[in-house]
Amino acid sequence: MLMALAFLPVHLVPAGFEIINVGTSGQLEALFQYFQREWLPAATIPLWNVHGVSVRTNNHLE
């Protein structure tokens, strides 16, 4: 589910994260905490977000 956040518009990523984060526990909770700390600051979202990008892989021939 975390990977699906890359396809949301940038302004909806934090809300999408909160929706999929509801009820997490254990190791999954640790993963979500890491993701929130490292990848959700507003400055980093545009680095990995592919919403509206025509080529979404590192191989444009795919």
N, C-alpha and C. Protein backbone atom coordinates (compact mmCIF):
# COMPACT_ATOMS: atom_id res chain seq x y z
N MET A 1 0.81 -1.20 0.00
CA MET A 1 0.00 0.00 0.00
C MET A 1 0.86 1.26 0.00
N LEU A 2 1.99 1.23 0.67
CA LEU A 2 2.83 2.42 0.68
C LEU A 2 3.26 2.82 -0.72
N MET A 3 3.55 1.84 -1.56
CA MET A 3 4.00 2.15 -2.92
C MET A 3 2.92 2.84 -3.73
N ALA A 4 1.67 2.62 -3.40
CA ALA A 4 0.57 3.26 -4.13
C ALA A 4 0.54 4.76 -3.89
N LEU A 5 1.13 5.23 -2.80
CA LEU A 5 1.16 6.66 -2.52
C LEU A 5 1.87 7.44 -3.62
N ALA A 6 2.79 6.81 -4.32
CA ALA A 6 3.54 7.48 -5.38
C ALA A 6 2.65 7.91 -6.54
N PHE A 7 1.46 7.33 -6.65
CA PHE A 7 0.56 7.64 -7.76
C PHE A 7 -0.49 8.69 -7.40
N LEU A 8 -0.52 9.11 -6.14
CA LEU A 8 -1.46 10.16 -5.72
C LEU A 8 -0.89 11.53 -6.07
N PRO A 9 -1.75 12.52 -6.27
CA PRO A 9 -1.24 13.89 -6.41
C PRO A 9 -0.46 14.26 -5.14
N VAL A 10 0.59 15.05 -5.30
CA VAL A 10 1.48 15.37 -4.18
C VAL A 10 0.71 15.89 -2.97
N HIS A 11 -0.27 16.75 -3.18
CA HIS A 11 -0.99 17.34 -2.05
C HIS A 11 -1.87 16.34 -1.31
N LEU A 12 -2.14 15.17 -1.91
CA LEU A 12 -2.97 14.16 -1.25
C LEU A 12 -2.16 13.05 -0.58
N VAL A 13 -0.86 13.04 -0.77
CA VAL A 13 -0.02 11.97 -0.20
C VAL A 13 -0.12 11.91 1.32
N PRO A 14 0.01 13.02 2.06
CA PRO A 14 -0.10 12.92 3.52
C PRO A 14 -1.45 12.35 3.98
N ALA A 15 -2.54 12.76 3.35
CA ALA A 15 -3.86 12.24 3.72
C ALA A 15 -3.97 10.76 3.38
N GLY A 16 -3.44 10.37 2.23
CA GLY A 16 -3.45 8.96 1.84
C GLY A 16 -2.65 8.12 2.81
N PHE A 17 -1.53 8.66 3.26
CA PHE A 17 -0.71 7.94 4.23
C PHE A 17 -1.49 7.72 5.52
N GLU A 18 -2.17 8.75 6.00
CA GLU A 18 -2.94 8.62 7.23
C GLU A 18 -4.04 7.57 7.09
N ILE A 19 -4.67 7.50 5.94
CA ILE A 19 -5.74 6.53 5.72
C ILE A 19 -5.21 5.10 5.80
N ILE A 20 -4.08 4.82 5.15
CA ILE A 20 -3.57 3.45 5.17
C ILE A 20 -2.82 3.12 6.45
N ASN A 21 -2.50 4.14 7.24
CA ASN A 21 -1.78 3.93 8.50
C ASN A 21 -2.72 3.55 9.65
N VAL A 22 -4.00 3.71 9.48
CA VAL A 22 -4.97 3.43 10.55
C VAL A 22 -4.90 1.95 10.94
N GLY A 23 -4.71 1.70 12.21
CA GLY A 23 -4.75 0.34 12.73
C GLY A 23 -3.48 -0.48 12.55
N THR A 24 -2.39 0.15 12.14
CA THR A 24 -1.15 -0.63 11.99
C THR A 24 -0.56 -0.94 13.36
N SER A 25 0.16 -2.05 13.44
CA SER A 25 0.80 -2.44 14.70
C SER A 25 2.03 -3.29 14.40
N GLY A 26 2.85 -3.46 15.41
CA GLY A 26 4.02 -4.33 15.29
C GLY A 26 5.03 -3.84 14.28
N GLN A 27 5.56 -4.77 13.49
CA GLN A 27 6.58 -4.43 12.51
C GLN A 27 6.04 -3.49 11.44
N LEU A 28 4.78 -3.63 11.12
CA LEU A 28 4.17 -2.74 10.13
C LEU A 28 4.13 -1.31 10.66
N GLU A 29 3.87 -1.16 11.93
CA GLU A 29 3.86 0.17 12.53
C GLU A 29 5.25 0.79 12.47
N ALA A 30 6.28 -0.01 12.70
CA ALA A 30 7.66 0.49 12.61
C ALA A 30 7.98 0.94 11.19
N LEU A 31 7.52 0.19 10.20
CA LEU A 31 7.73 0.58 8.80
C LEU A 31 7.04 1.91 8.51
N PHE A 32 5.82 2.08 8.97
CA PHE A 32 5.10 3.32 8.72
C PHE A 32 5.76 4.50 9.43
N GLN A 33 6.29 4.28 10.63
CA GLN A 33 7.00 5.35 11.33
C GLN A 33 8.25 5.76 10.57
N TYR A 34 8.98 4.77 10.06
CA TYR A 34 10.17 5.06 9.26
C TYR A 34 9.78 5.85 8.01
N PHE A 35 8.75 5.39 7.31
CA PHE A 35 8.32 6.06 6.08
C PHE A 35 7.91 7.50 6.36
N GLN A 36 7.19 7.70 7.44
CA GLN A 36 6.75 9.05 7.79
C GLN A 36 7.93 9.95 8.11
N ARG A 37 8.90 9.43 8.80
CA ARG A 37 10.07 10.21 9.19
C ARG A 37 10.97 10.53 8.00
N GLU A 38 11.21 9.55 7.13
CA GLU A 38 12.19 9.71 6.05
C GLU A 38 11.61 10.19 4.72
N TRP A 39 10.38 9.82 4.39
CA TRP A 39 9.86 10.05 3.05
C TRP A 39 8.65 10.97 2.97
N LEU A 40 8.07 11.36 4.10
CA LEU A 40 6.89 12.22 4.06
C LEU A 40 7.13 13.70 4.28
N PRO A 41 8.32 14.13 4.67
CA PRO A 41 8.49 15.58 4.73
C PRO A 41 8.17 16.19 3.36
N ALA A 42 7.51 17.35 3.37
CA ALA A 42 7.01 17.96 2.13
C ALA A 42 8.09 18.12 1.06
N ALA A 43 9.33 18.34 1.47
CA ALA A 43 10.40 18.54 0.49
C ALA A 43 10.78 17.26 -0.24
N THR A 44 10.52 16.09 0.35
CA THR A 44 10.95 14.84 -0.29
C THR A 44 9.87 14.19 -1.15
N ILE A 45 8.61 14.51 -0.94
CA ILE A 45 7.53 13.86 -1.70
C ILE A 45 7.71 14.04 -3.21
N PRO A 46 8.01 15.23 -3.72
CA PRO A 46 8.17 15.37 -5.17
C PRO A 46 9.33 14.55 -5.75
N LEU A 47 10.25 14.13 -4.91
CA LEU A 47 11.39 13.33 -5.40
C LEU A 47 10.97 11.92 -5.80
N TRP A 48 9.94 11.37 -5.18
CA TRP A 48 9.53 10.00 -5.46
C TRP A 48 8.11 9.88 -6.03
N ASN A 49 7.40 10.98 -6.09
CA ASN A 49 6.03 10.95 -6.60
C ASN A 49 6.01 10.92 -8.12
N VAL A 50 5.19 10.05 -8.71
CA VAL A 50 5.13 9.92 -10.17
C VAL A 50 3.75 10.29 -10.72
N HIS A 51 2.93 10.94 -9.93
CA HIS A 51 1.61 11.35 -10.42
C HIS A 51 1.78 12.31 -11.60
N GLY A 52 1.15 11.98 -12.71
CA GLY A 52 1.20 12.84 -13.89
C GLY A 52 2.46 12.69 -14.73
N VAL A 53 3.35 11.79 -14.36
CA VAL A 53 4.58 11.57 -15.12
C VAL A 53 4.30 10.50 -16.16
N SER A 54 4.66 10.77 -17.42
CA SER A 54 4.34 9.80 -18.47
C SER A 54 5.23 8.56 -18.41
N VAL A 55 6.52 8.73 -18.08
CA VAL A 55 7.43 7.59 -17.95
C VAL A 55 7.60 7.33 -16.47
N ARG A 56 7.10 6.19 -15.99
CA ARG A 56 7.10 5.91 -14.55
C ARG A 56 8.09 4.84 -14.14
N THR A 57 8.92 4.39 -15.04
CA THR A 57 9.93 3.39 -14.71
C THR A 57 11.29 3.93 -15.10
N ASN A 58 12.34 3.20 -14.76
CA ASN A 58 13.68 3.62 -15.18
C ASN A 58 14.02 3.04 -16.55
N ASN A 59 13.07 2.36 -17.19
CA ASN A 59 13.25 1.80 -18.53
C ASN A 59 12.09 2.29 -19.39
N HIS A 60 12.32 3.33 -20.17
CA HIS A 60 11.23 3.94 -20.94
C HIS A 60 10.69 3.05 -22.05
N LEU A 61 11.35 1.92 -22.31
CA LEU A 61 10.87 1.00 -23.34
C LEU A 61 9.85 0.01 -22.81
N GLU A 62 9.66 -0.05 -21.50
CA GLU A 62 8.69 -0.99 -20.93
C GLU A 62 7.28 -0.60 -21.28
